[in-house]
Amino acid sequence: MTTVGYLRAAQADVRRAARFYAKESRTLAAEFVLEVDRSAARLVEYPEVGVPTRRGARKLLRRRFPYLMIYRVDPERVVILAVGHQRRHPDFWLSRANQSS
């Protein structure tokens, strides 16, 4: 595994969450984005770390922020399908499962 890619919708998920945290603190928003970046880097090293879920995807729960990352492991990279709040409907990302970044 050498790279990570984000669907446009997943990039929008991160921006939306960062804007939410920025209302409280710009520092908190930056820390959220950094946490997402670190998680993505970890997935490149350990792609099977997440819990298997539907349609061949996996989910990775975050500790500090109540968000999860939904991703799939392709032969050459990890593709982040969604970054969503844990209280969101669990299937919100399903329409993205077959998209490519």
PDB file of N, CA and C in Angstrom:
ATOM      1  N   MET A   1       0.857  -1.166   0.000  1.00  0.00           N
ATOM      2  CA  MET A   1       0.000   0.000   0.000  1.00  0.00           C
ATOM      3  C   MET A   1       0.908   1.236   0.000  1.00  0.00           C
ATOM      4  N   THR A   2       0.673   2.120  -0.918  1.00  0.00           N
ATOM      5  CA  THR A   2       1.556   3.280  -0.980  1.00  0.00           C
ATOM      6  C   THR A   2       0.851   4.619  -0.848  1.00  0.00           C
ATOM      7  N   THR A   3      -0.416   4.691  -1.150  1.00  0.00           N
ATOM      8  CA  THR A   3      -1.072   5.997  -1.124  1.00  0.00           C
ATOM      9  C   THR A   3      -2.462   5.914  -0.496  1.00  0.00           C
ATOM     10  N   VAL A   4      -2.993   7.091  -0.255  1.00  0.00           N
ATOM     11  CA  VAL A   4      -4.373   7.214   0.214  1.00  0.00           C
ATOM     12  C   VAL A   4      -5.055   8.245  -0.675  1.00  0.00           C
ATOM     13  N   GLY A   5      -6.303   7.994  -0.991  1.00  0.00           N
ATOM     14  CA  GLY A   5      -7.095   8.934  -1.777  1.00  0.00           C
ATOM     15  C   GLY A   5      -8.426   9.173  -1.091  1.00  0.00           C
ATOM     16  N   TYR A   6      -8.995  10.325  -1.330  1.00  0.00           N
ATOM     17  CA  TYR A   6     -10.292  10.687  -0.751  1.00  0.00           C
ATOM     18  C   TYR A   6     -11.284  10.899  -1.874  1.00  0.00           C
ATOM     19  N   LEU A   7     -12.483  10.374  -1.720  1.00  0.00           N
ATOM     20  CA  LEU A   7     -13.552  10.784  -2.625  1.00  0.00           C
ATOM     21  C   LEU A   7     -13.827  12.259  -2.371  1.00  0.00           C
ATOM     22  N   ARG A   8     -14.328  12.957  -3.363  1.00  0.00           N
ATOM     23  CA  ARG A   8     -14.675  14.374  -3.168  1.00  0.00           C
ATOM     24  C   ARG A   8     -15.668  14.539  -2.030  1.00  0.00           C
ATOM     25  N   ALA A   9     -16.608  13.609  -1.939  1.00  0.00           N
ATOM     26  CA  ALA A   9     -17.608  13.675  -0.865  1.00  0.00           C
ATOM     27  C   ALA A   9     -16.951  13.527   0.507  1.00  0.00           C
ATOM     28  N   ALA A  10     -15.921  12.707   0.606  1.00  0.00           N
ATOM     29  CA  ALA A  10     -15.207  12.543   1.879  1.00  0.00           C
ATOM     30  C   ALA A  10     -14.424  13.810   2.213  1.00  0.00           C
ATOM     31  N   GLN A  11     -13.829  14.435   1.200  1.00  0.00           N
ATOM     32  CA  GLN A  11     -13.139  15.708   1.429  1.00  0.00           C
ATOM     33  C   GLN A  11     -14.136  16.749   1.935  1.00  0.00           C
ATOM     34  N   ALA A  12     -15.326  16.752   1.368  1.00  0.00           N
ATOM     35  CA  ALA A  12     -16.366  17.685   1.818  1.00  0.00           C
ATOM     36  C   ALA A  12     -16.789  17.369   3.252  1.00  0.00           C
ATOM     37  N   ASP A  13     -16.830  16.083   3.608  1.00  0.00           N
ATOM     38  CA  ASP A  13     -17.144  15.694   4.989  1.00  0.00           C
ATOM     39  C   ASP A  13     -16.144  16.318   5.962  1.00  0.00           C
ATOM     40  N   VAL A  14     -14.870  16.235   5.616  1.00  0.00           N
ATOM     41  CA  VAL A  14     -13.816  16.772   6.490  1.00  0.00           C
ATOM     42  C   VAL A  14     -13.941  18.288   6.597  1.00  0.00           C
ATOM     43  N   ARG A  15     -14.153  18.953   5.480  1.00  0.00           N
ATOM     44  CA  ARG A  15     -14.297  20.423   5.508  1.00  0.00           C
ATOM     45  C   ARG A  15     -15.495  20.848   6.349  1.00  0.00           C
ATOM     46  N   ARG A  16     -16.600  20.135   6.189  1.00  0.00           N
ATOM     47  CA  ARG A  16     -17.819  20.460   6.942  1.00  0.00           C
ATOM     48  C   ARG A  16     -17.580  20.293   8.453  1.00  0.00           C
ATOM     49  N   ALA A  17     -16.947  19.209   8.840  1.00  0.00           N
ATOM     50  CA  ALA A  17     -16.668  18.978  10.262  1.00  0.00           C
ATOM     51  C   ALA A  17     -15.684  20.020  10.792  1.00  0.00           C
ATOM     52  N   ALA A  18     -14.688  20.364  10.004  1.00  0.00           N
ATOM     53  CA  ALA A  18     -13.712  21.369  10.434  1.00  0.00           C
ATOM     54  C   ALA A  18     -14.393  22.726  10.632  1.00  0.00           C
ATOM     55  N   ARG A  19     -15.320  23.072   9.745  1.00  0.00           N
ATOM     56  CA  ARG A  19     -16.056  24.340   9.921  1.00  0.00           C
ATOM     57  C   ARG A  19     -16.867  24.315  11.213  1.00  0.00           C
ATOM     58  N   PHE A  20     -17.463  23.169  11.511  1.00  0.00           N
ATOM     59  CA  PHE A  20     -18.217  23.032  12.754  1.00  0.00           C
ATOM     60  C   PHE A  20     -17.304  23.278  13.961  1.00  0.00           C
ATOM     61  N   TYR A  21     -16.135  22.624  13.976  1.00  0.00           N
ATOM     62  CA  TYR A  21     -15.214  22.798  15.100  1.00  0.00           C
ATOM     63  C   TYR A  21     -14.629  24.204  15.141  1.00  0.00           C
ATOM     64  N   ALA A  22     -14.472  24.844  13.989  1.00  0.00           N
ATOM     65  CA  ALA A  22     -13.917  26.202  13.938  1.00  0.00           C
ATOM     66  C   ALA A  22     -14.825  27.205  14.624  1.00  0.00           C
ATOM     67  N   LYS A  23     -16.116  26.917  14.692  1.00  0.00           N
ATOM     68  CA  LYS A  23     -17.032  27.815  15.400  1.00  0.00           C
ATOM     69  C   LYS A  23     -16.672  27.891  16.874  1.00  0.00           C
ATOM     70  N   GLU A  24     -16.120  26.813  17.395  1.00  0.00           N
ATOM     71  CA  GLU A  24     -15.683  26.795  18.792  1.00  0.00           C
ATOM     72  C   GLU A  24     -14.243  27.267  18.925  1.00  0.00           C
ATOM     73  N   SER A  25     -13.387  26.786  18.011  1.00  0.00           N
ATOM     74  CA  SER A  25     -11.970  27.125  18.099  1.00  0.00           C
ATOM     75  C   SER A  25     -11.271  26.759  16.797  1.00  0.00           C
ATOM     76  N   ARG A  26     -10.508  27.687  16.264  1.00  0.00           N
ATOM     77  CA  ARG A  26      -9.731  27.404  15.050  1.00  0.00           C
ATOM     78  C   ARG A  26      -8.700  26.319  15.337  1.00  0.00           C
ATOM     79  N   THR A  27      -8.167  26.335  16.556  1.00  0.00           N
ATOM     80  CA  THR A  27      -7.196  25.319  16.939  1.00  0.00           C
ATOM     81  C   THR A  27      -7.835  23.938  16.942  1.00  0.00           C
ATOM     82  N   LEU A  28      -9.033  23.851  17.475  1.00  0.00           N
ATOM     83  CA  LEU A  28      -9.744  22.574  17.510  1.00  0.00           C
ATOM     84  C   LEU A  28     -10.015  22.073  16.090  1.00  0.00           C
ATOM     85  N   ALA A  29     -10.384  22.969  15.204  1.00  0.00           N
ATOM     86  CA  ALA A  29     -10.615  22.582  13.807  1.00  0.00           C
ATOM     87  C   ALA A  29      -9.335  22.041  13.178  1.00  0.00           C
ATOM     88  N   ALA A  30      -8.221  22.713  13.419  1.00  0.00           N
ATOM     89  CA  ALA A  30      -6.939  22.254  12.877  1.00  0.00           C
ATOM     90  C   ALA A  30      -6.552  20.897  13.461  1.00  0.00           C
ATOM     91  N   GLU A  31      -6.834  20.692  14.731  1.00  0.00           N
ATOM     92  CA  GLU A  31      -6.530  19.410  15.361  1.00  0.00           C
ATOM     93  C   GLU A  31      -7.395  18.295  14.783  1.00  0.00           C
ATOM     94  N   PHE A  32      -8.632  18.604  14.450  1.00  0.00           N
ATOM     95  CA  PHE A  32      -9.493  17.609  13.814  1.00  0.00           C
ATOM     96  C   PHE A  32      -8.905  17.181  12.471  1.00  0.00           C
ATOM     97  N   VAL A  33      -8.545  18.156  11.649  1.00  0.00           N
ATOM     98  CA  VAL A  33      -7.975  17.847  10.332  1.00  0.00           C
ATOM     99  C   VAL A  33      -6.681  17.049  10.487  1.00  0.00           C
ATOM    100  N   LEU A  34      -5.861  17.417  11.455  1.00  0.00           N
ATOM    101  CA  LEU A  34      -4.622  16.684  11.705  1.00  0.00           C
ATOM    102  C   LEU A  34      -4.916  15.241  12.110  1.00  0.00           C
ATOM    103  N   GLU A  35      -5.930  15.040  12.927  1.00  0.00           N
ATOM    104  CA  GLU A  35      -6.330  13.686  13.338  1.00  0.00           C
ATOM    105  C   GLU A  35      -6.767  12.853  12.132  1.00  0.00           C
ATOM    106  N   VAL A  36      -7.508  13.461  11.230  1.00  0.00           N
ATOM    107  CA  VAL A  36      -7.932  12.761  10.009  1.00  0.00           C
ATOM    108  C   VAL A  36      -6.705  12.398   9.173  1.00  0.00           C
ATOM    109  N   ASP A  37      -5.782  13.337   9.015  1.00  0.00           N
ATOM    110  CA  ASP A  37      -4.566  13.078   8.240  1.00  0.00           C
ATOM    111  C   ASP A  37      -3.729  11.955   8.861  1.00  0.00           C
ATOM    112  N   ARG A  38      -3.587  11.987  10.164  1.00  0.00           N
ATOM    113  CA  ARG A  38      -2.833  10.927  10.849  1.00  0.00           C
ATOM    114  C   ARG A  38      -3.505   9.569  10.682  1.00  0.00           C
ATOM    115  N   SER A  39      -4.813   9.563  10.765  1.00  0.00           N
ATOM    116  CA  SER A  39      -5.564   8.318  10.598  1.00  0.00           C
ATOM    117  C   SER A  39      -5.379   7.765   9.190  1.00  0.00           C
ATOM    118  N   ALA A  40      -5.422   8.645   8.201  1.00  0.00           N
ATOM    119  CA  ALA A  40      -5.222   8.215   6.819  1.00  0.00           C
ATOM    120  C   ALA A  40      -3.825   7.629   6.636  1.00  0.00           C
ATOM    121  N   ALA A  41      -2.829   8.263   7.222  1.00  0.00           N
ATOM    122  CA  ALA A  41      -1.463   7.743   7.136  1.00  0.00           C
ATOM    123  C   ALA A  41      -1.357   6.373   7.812  1.00  0.00           C
ATOM    124  N   ARG A  42      -2.053   6.203   8.902  1.00  0.00           N
ATOM    125  CA  ARG A  42      -2.049   4.914   9.592  1.00  0.00           C
ATOM    126  C   ARG A  42      -2.690   3.829   8.727  1.00  0.00           C
ATOM    127  N   LEU A  43      -3.738   4.200   8.018  1.00  0.00           N
ATOM    128  CA  LEU A  43      -4.406   3.238   7.145  1.00  0.00           C
ATOM    129  C   LEU A  43      -3.506   2.766   6.008  1.00  0.00           C
ATOM    130  N   VAL A  44      -2.626   3.628   5.547  1.00  0.00           N
ATOM    131  CA  VAL A  44      -1.679   3.230   4.507  1.00  0.00           C
ATOM    132  C   VAL A  44      -0.746   2.152   5.062  1.00  0.00           C
ATOM    133  N   GLU A  45      -0.317   2.325   6.298  1.00  0.00           N
ATOM    134  CA  GLU A  45       0.584   1.351   6.924  1.00  0.00           C
ATOM    135  C   GLU A  45      -0.142   0.084   7.353  1.00  0.00           C
ATOM    136  N   TYR A  46      -1.354   0.230   7.882  1.00  0.00           N
ATOM    137  CA  TYR A  46      -2.124  -0.890   8.422  1.00  0.00           C
ATOM    138  C   TYR A  46      -3.543  -0.865   7.858  1.00  0.00           C
ATOM    139  N   PRO A  47      -3.711  -1.215   6.607  1.00  0.00           N
ATOM    140  CA  PRO A  47      -5.024  -1.073   5.975  1.00  0.00           C
ATOM    141  C   PRO A  47      -6.115  -1.964   6.563  1.00  0.00           C
ATOM    142  N   GLU A  48      -5.759  -3.016   7.227  1.00  0.00           N
ATOM    143  CA  GLU A  48      -6.764  -3.930   7.769  1.00  0.00           C
ATOM    144  C   GLU A  48      -7.162  -3.583   9.206  1.00  0.00           C
ATOM    145  N   VAL A  49      -6.711  -2.451   9.732  1.00  0.00           N
ATOM    146  CA  VAL A  49      -6.970  -2.084  11.122  1.00  0.00           C
ATOM    147  C   VAL A  49      -8.454  -1.811  11.397  1.00  0.00           C
ATOM    148  N   GLY A  50      -9.166  -1.334  10.417  1.00  0.00           N
ATOM    149  CA  GLY A  50     -10.576  -1.006  10.604  1.00  0.00           C
ATOM    150  C   GLY A  50     -11.461  -2.239  10.645  1.00  0.00           C
ATOM    151  N   VAL A  51     -12.635  -2.056  11.187  1.00  0.00           N
ATOM    152  CA  VAL A  51     -13.620  -3.125  11.313  1.00  0.00           C
ATOM    153  C   VAL A  51     -14.341  -3.304   9.973  1.00  0.00           C
ATOM    154  N   PRO A  52     -14.424  -4.531   9.466  1.00  0.00           N
ATOM    155  CA  PRO A  52     -15.156  -4.749   8.212  1.00  0.00           C
ATOM    156  C   PRO A  52     -16.622  -4.332   8.356  1.00  0.00           C
ATOM    157  N   THR A  53     -17.130  -3.740   7.301  1.00  0.00           N
ATOM    158  CA  THR A  53     -18.522  -3.317   7.268  1.00  0.00           C
ATOM    159  C   THR A  53     -19.106  -3.704   5.916  1.00  0.00           C
ATOM    160  N   ARG A  54     -20.105  -3.050   5.474  1.00  0.00           N
ATOM    161  CA  ARG A  54     -20.804  -3.440   4.250  1.00  0.00           C
ATOM    162  C   ARG A  54     -20.049  -3.077   2.975  1.00  0.00           C
ATOM    163  N   ARG A  55     -20.377  -3.795   1.909  1.00  0.00           N
ATOM    164  CA  ARG A  55     -19.864  -3.542   0.557  1.00  0.00           C
ATOM    165  C   ARG A  55     -18.343  -3.507   0.470  1.00  0.00           C
ATOM    166  N   GLY A  56     -17.691  -4.340   1.247  1.00  0.00           N
ATOM    167  CA  GLY A  56     -16.242  -4.443   1.178  1.00  0.00           C
ATOM    168  C   GLY A  56     -15.491  -3.299   1.824  1.00  0.00           C
ATOM    169  N   ALA A  57     -16.190  -2.443   2.522  1.00  0.00           N
ATOM    170  CA  ALA A  57     -15.558  -1.294   3.176  1.00  0.00           C
ATOM    171  C   ALA A  57     -15.198  -1.643   4.620  1.00  0.00           C
ATOM    172  N   ARG A  58     -14.429  -0.768   5.221  1.00  0.00           N
ATOM    173  CA  ARG A  58     -14.044  -0.907   6.615  1.00  0.00           C
ATOM    174  C   ARG A  58     -14.300   0.431   7.304  1.00  0.00           C
ATOM    175  N   LYS A  59     -14.435   0.387   8.633  1.00  0.00           N
ATOM    176  CA  LYS A  59     -14.618   1.648   9.366  1.00  0.00           C
ATOM    177  C   LYS A  59     -13.596   1.724  10.486  1.00  0.00           C
ATOM    178  N   LEU A  60     -13.114   2.917  10.685  1.00  0.00           N
ATOM    179  CA  LEU A  60     -12.126   3.192  11.720  1.00  0.00           C
ATOM    180  C   LEU A  60     -12.694   4.264  12.636  1.00  0.00           C
ATOM    181  N   LEU A  61     -12.864   3.918  13.889  1.00  0.00           N
ATOM    182  CA  LEU A  61     -13.369   4.877  14.869  1.00  0.00           C
ATOM    183  C   LEU A  61     -12.220   5.718  15.389  1.00  0.00           C
ATOM    184  N   ARG A  62     -12.489   6.977  15.602  1.00  0.00           N
ATOM    185  CA  ARG A  62     -11.479   7.884  16.145  1.00  0.00           C
ATOM    186  C   ARG A  62     -11.701   8.041  17.631  1.00  0.00           C
ATOM    187  N   ARG A  63     -10.645   8.286  18.365  1.00  0.00           N
ATOM    188  CA  ARG A  63     -10.749   8.396  19.829  1.00  0.00           C
ATOM    189  C   ARG A  63     -11.141   9.791  20.296  1.00  0.00           C
ATOM    190  N   ARG A  64     -10.427  10.774  19.853  1.00  0.00           N
ATOM    191  CA  ARG A  64     -10.645  12.124  20.371  1.00  0.00           C
ATOM    192  C   ARG A  64     -11.931  12.754  19.855  1.00  0.00           C
ATOM    193  N   PHE A  65     -12.200  12.553  18.591  1.00  0.00           N
ATOM    194  CA  PHE A  65     -13.372  13.149  17.963  1.00  0.00           C
ATOM    195  C   PHE A  65     -14.379  12.043  17.662  1.00  0.00           C
ATOM    196  N   PRO A  66     -15.672  12.316  17.814  1.00  0.00           N
ATOM    197  CA  PRO A  66     -16.681  11.267  17.608  1.00  0.00           C
ATOM    198  C   PRO A  66     -16.997  11.045  16.122  1.00  0.00           C
ATOM    199  N   TYR A  67     -15.971  10.840  15.345  1.00  0.00           N
ATOM    200  CA  TYR A  67     -16.104  10.620  13.913  1.00  0.00           C
ATOM    201  C   TYR A  67     -15.507   9.273  13.551  1.00  0.00           C
ATOM    202  N   LEU A  68     -16.020   8.712  12.470  1.00  0.00           N
ATOM    203  CA  LEU A  68     -15.441   7.488  11.951  1.00  0.00           C
ATOM    204  C   LEU A  68     -15.068   7.707  10.496  1.00  0.00           C
ATOM    205  N   MET A  69     -14.111   6.935  10.060  1.00  0.00           N
ATOM    206  CA  MET A  69     -13.673   6.989   8.670  1.00  0.00           C
ATOM    207  C   MET A  69     -14.108   5.687   8.015  1.00  0.00           C
ATOM    208  N   ILE A  70     -14.816   5.803   6.907  1.00  0.00           N
ATOM    209  CA  ILE A  70     -15.207   4.648   6.117  1.00  0.00           C
ATOM    210  C   ILE A  70     -14.257   4.604   4.920  1.00  0.00           C
ATOM    211  N   TYR A  71     -13.648   3.448   4.681  1.00  0.00           N
ATOM    212  CA  TYR A  71     -12.675   3.348   3.598  1.00  0.00           C
ATOM    213  C   TYR A  71     -12.712   1.965   2.975  1.00  0.00           C
ATOM    214  N   ARG A  72     -12.104   1.880   1.820  1.00  0.00           N
ATOM    215  CA  ARG A  72     -11.928   0.581   1.183  1.00  0.00           C
ATOM    216  C   ARG A  72     -10.460   0.437   0.810  1.00  0.00           C
ATOM    217  N   VAL A  73     -10.028  -0.794   0.777  1.00  0.00           N
ATOM    218  CA  VAL A  73      -8.640  -1.095   0.441  1.00  0.00           C
ATOM    219  C   VAL A  73      -8.611  -1.597  -0.995  1.00  0.00           C
ATOM    220  N   ASP A  74      -8.001  -0.825  -1.870  1.00  0.00           N
ATOM    221  CA  ASP A  74      -7.794  -1.218  -3.256  1.00  0.00           C
ATOM    222  C   ASP A  74      -6.383  -1.795  -3.375  1.00  0.00           C
ATOM    223  N   PRO A  75      -6.063  -2.444  -4.472  1.00  0.00           N
ATOM    224  CA  PRO A  75      -4.731  -3.057  -4.595  1.00  0.00           C
ATOM    225  C   PRO A  75      -3.566  -2.082  -4.398  1.00  0.00           C
ATOM    226  N   GLU A  76      -3.712  -0.858  -4.857  1.00  0.00           N
ATOM    227  CA  GLU A  76      -2.597   0.084  -4.779  1.00  0.00           C
ATOM    228  C   GLU A  76      -2.773   1.213  -3.768  1.00  0.00           C
ATOM    229  N   ARG A  77      -3.963   1.320  -3.181  1.00  0.00           N
ATOM    230  CA  ARG A  77      -4.174   2.433  -2.252  1.00  0.00           C
ATOM    231  C   ARG A  77      -5.393   2.205  -1.372  1.00  0.00           C
ATOM    232  N   VAL A  78      -5.486   3.075  -0.390  1.00  0.00           N
ATOM    233  CA  VAL A  78      -6.654   3.127   0.486  1.00  0.00           C
ATOM    234  C   VAL A  78      -7.510   4.293   0.000  1.00  0.00           C
ATOM    235  N   VAL A  79      -8.805   4.072  -0.142  1.00  0.00           N
ATOM    236  CA  VAL A  79      -9.713   5.128  -0.598  1.00  0.00           C
ATOM    237  C   VAL A  79     -10.665   5.466   0.546  1.00  0.00           C
ATOM    238  N   ILE A  80     -10.600   6.703   1.012  1.00  0.00           N
ATOM    239  CA  ILE A  80     -11.498   7.184   2.060  1.00  0.00           C
ATOM    240  C   ILE A  80     -12.826   7.529   1.387  1.00  0.00           C
ATOM    241  N   LEU A  81     -13.866   6.816   1.794  1.00  0.00           N
ATOM    242  CA  LEU A  81     -15.187   7.022   1.206  1.00  0.00           C
ATOM    243  C   LEU A  81     -15.978   8.096   1.940  1.00  0.00           C
ATOM    244  N   ALA A  82     -15.792   8.163   3.271  1.00  0.00           N
ATOM    245  CA  ALA A  82     -16.580   9.091   4.085  1.00  0.00           C
ATOM    246  C   ALA A  82     -15.897   9.320   5.422  1.00  0.00           C
ATOM    247  N   VAL A  83     -16.146  10.483   5.977  1.00  0.00           N
ATOM    248  CA  VAL A  83     -15.738  10.818   7.334  1.00  0.00           C
ATOM    249  C   VAL A  83     -16.995  11.393   7.973  1.00  0.00           C
ATOM    250  N   GLY A  84     -17.600  10.629   8.875  1.00  0.00           N
ATOM    251  CA  GLY A  84     -18.890  11.038   9.403  1.00  0.00           C
ATOM    252  C   GLY A  84     -18.996  10.924  10.908  1.00  0.00           C
ATOM    253  N   HIS A  85     -19.847  11.764  11.467  1.00  0.00           N
ATOM    254  CA  HIS A  85     -20.112  11.721  12.898  1.00  0.00           C
ATOM    255  C   HIS A  85     -20.730  10.376  13.249  1.00  0.00           C
ATOM    256  N   GLN A  86     -20.376   9.851  14.391  1.00  0.00           N
ATOM    257  CA  GLN A  86     -20.844   8.532  14.785  1.00  0.00           C
ATOM    258  C   GLN A  86     -22.351   8.474  15.020  1.00  0.00           C
ATOM    259  N   ARG A  87     -22.994   9.604  15.193  1.00  0.00           N
ATOM    260  CA  ARG A  87     -24.454   9.618  15.383  1.00  0.00           C
ATOM    261  C   ARG A  87     -25.220   9.702  14.066  1.00  0.00           C
ATOM    262  N   ARG A  88     -24.500   9.858  13.000  1.00  0.00           N
ATOM    263  CA  ARG A  88     -25.136   9.901  11.692  1.00  0.00           C
ATOM    264  C   ARG A  88     -25.687   8.518  11.348  1.00  0.00           C
ATOM    265  N   HIS A  89     -26.668   8.461  10.471  1.00  0.00           N
ATOM    266  CA  HIS A  89     -27.217   7.168  10.070  1.00  0.00           C
ATOM    267  C   HIS A  89     -26.068   6.284   9.567  1.00  0.00           C
ATOM    268  N   PRO A  90     -25.983   5.043  10.026  1.00  0.00           N
ATOM    269  CA  PRO A  90     -24.827   4.206   9.694  1.00  0.00           C
ATOM    270  C   PRO A  90     -24.649   3.907   8.204  1.00  0.00           C
ATOM    271  N   ASP A  91     -25.681   4.073   7.407  1.00  0.00           N
ATOM    272  CA  ASP A  91     -25.578   3.770   5.976  1.00  0.00           C
ATOM    273  C   ASP A  91     -25.430   5.013   5.098  1.00  0.00           C
ATOM    274  N   PHE A  92     -25.133   6.148   5.688  1.00  0.00           N
ATOM    275  CA  PHE A  92     -25.087   7.395   4.915  1.00  0.00           C
ATOM    276  C   PHE A  92     -24.094   7.341   3.763  1.00  0.00           C
ATOM    277  N   TRP A  93     -23.113   6.522   3.844  1.00  0.00           N
ATOM    278  CA  TRP A  93     -22.016   6.470   2.881  1.00  0.00           C
ATOM    279  C   TRP A  93     -22.216   5.440   1.775  1.00  0.00           C
ATOM    280  N   LEU A  94     -23.241   4.601   1.863  1.00  0.00           N
ATOM    281  CA  LEU A  94     -23.387   3.473   0.940  1.00  0.00           C
ATOM    282  C   LEU A  94     -23.419   3.866  -0.543  1.00  0.00           C
ATOM    283  N   SER A  95     -23.977   5.004  -0.856  1.00  0.00           N
ATOM    284  CA  SER A  95     -24.036   5.416  -2.262  1.00  0.00           C
ATOM    285  C   SER A  95     -22.636   5.730  -2.811  1.00  0.00           C
ATOM    286  N   ARG A  96     -21.666   5.879  -1.945  1.00  0.00           N
ATOM    287  CA  ARG A  96     -20.294   6.201  -2.362  1.00  0.00           C
ATOM    288  C   ARG A  96     -19.431   4.943  -2.548  1.00  0.00           C
ATOM    289  N   ALA A  97     -19.924   3.798  -2.157  1.00  0.00           N
ATOM    290  CA  ALA A  97     -19.108   2.585  -2.072  1.00  0.00           C
ATOM    291  C   ALA A  97     -18.419   2.204  -3.375  1.00  0.00           C
ATOM    292  N   ASN A  98     -19.044   2.457  -4.513  1.00  0.00           N
ATOM    293  CA  ASN A  98     -18.450   2.039  -5.791  1.00  0.00           C
ATOM    294  C   ASN A  98     -17.812   3.183  -6.557  1.00  0.00           C
ATOM    295  N   GLN A  99     -17.731   4.345  -5.943  1.00  0.00           N
ATOM    296  CA  GLN A  99     -17.125   5.499  -6.620  1.00  0.00           C
ATOM    297  C   GLN A  99     -15.607   5.386  -6.565  1.00  0.00           C
ATOM    298  N   SER A 100     -14.953   6.018  -7.499  1.00  0.00           N
ATOM    299  CA  SER A 100     -13.495   6.086  -7.456  1.00  0.00           C
ATOM    300  C   SER A 100     -13.079   7.539  -7.285  1.00  0.00           C
ATOM    301  N   SER A 101     -11.930   7.711  -6.655  1.00  0.00           N
ATOM    302  CA  SER A 101     -11.475   9.090  -6.388  1.00  0.00           C
ATOM    303  C   SER A 101     -10.679   9.633  -7.542  1.00  0.00           C
TER     304      SER A 101
END
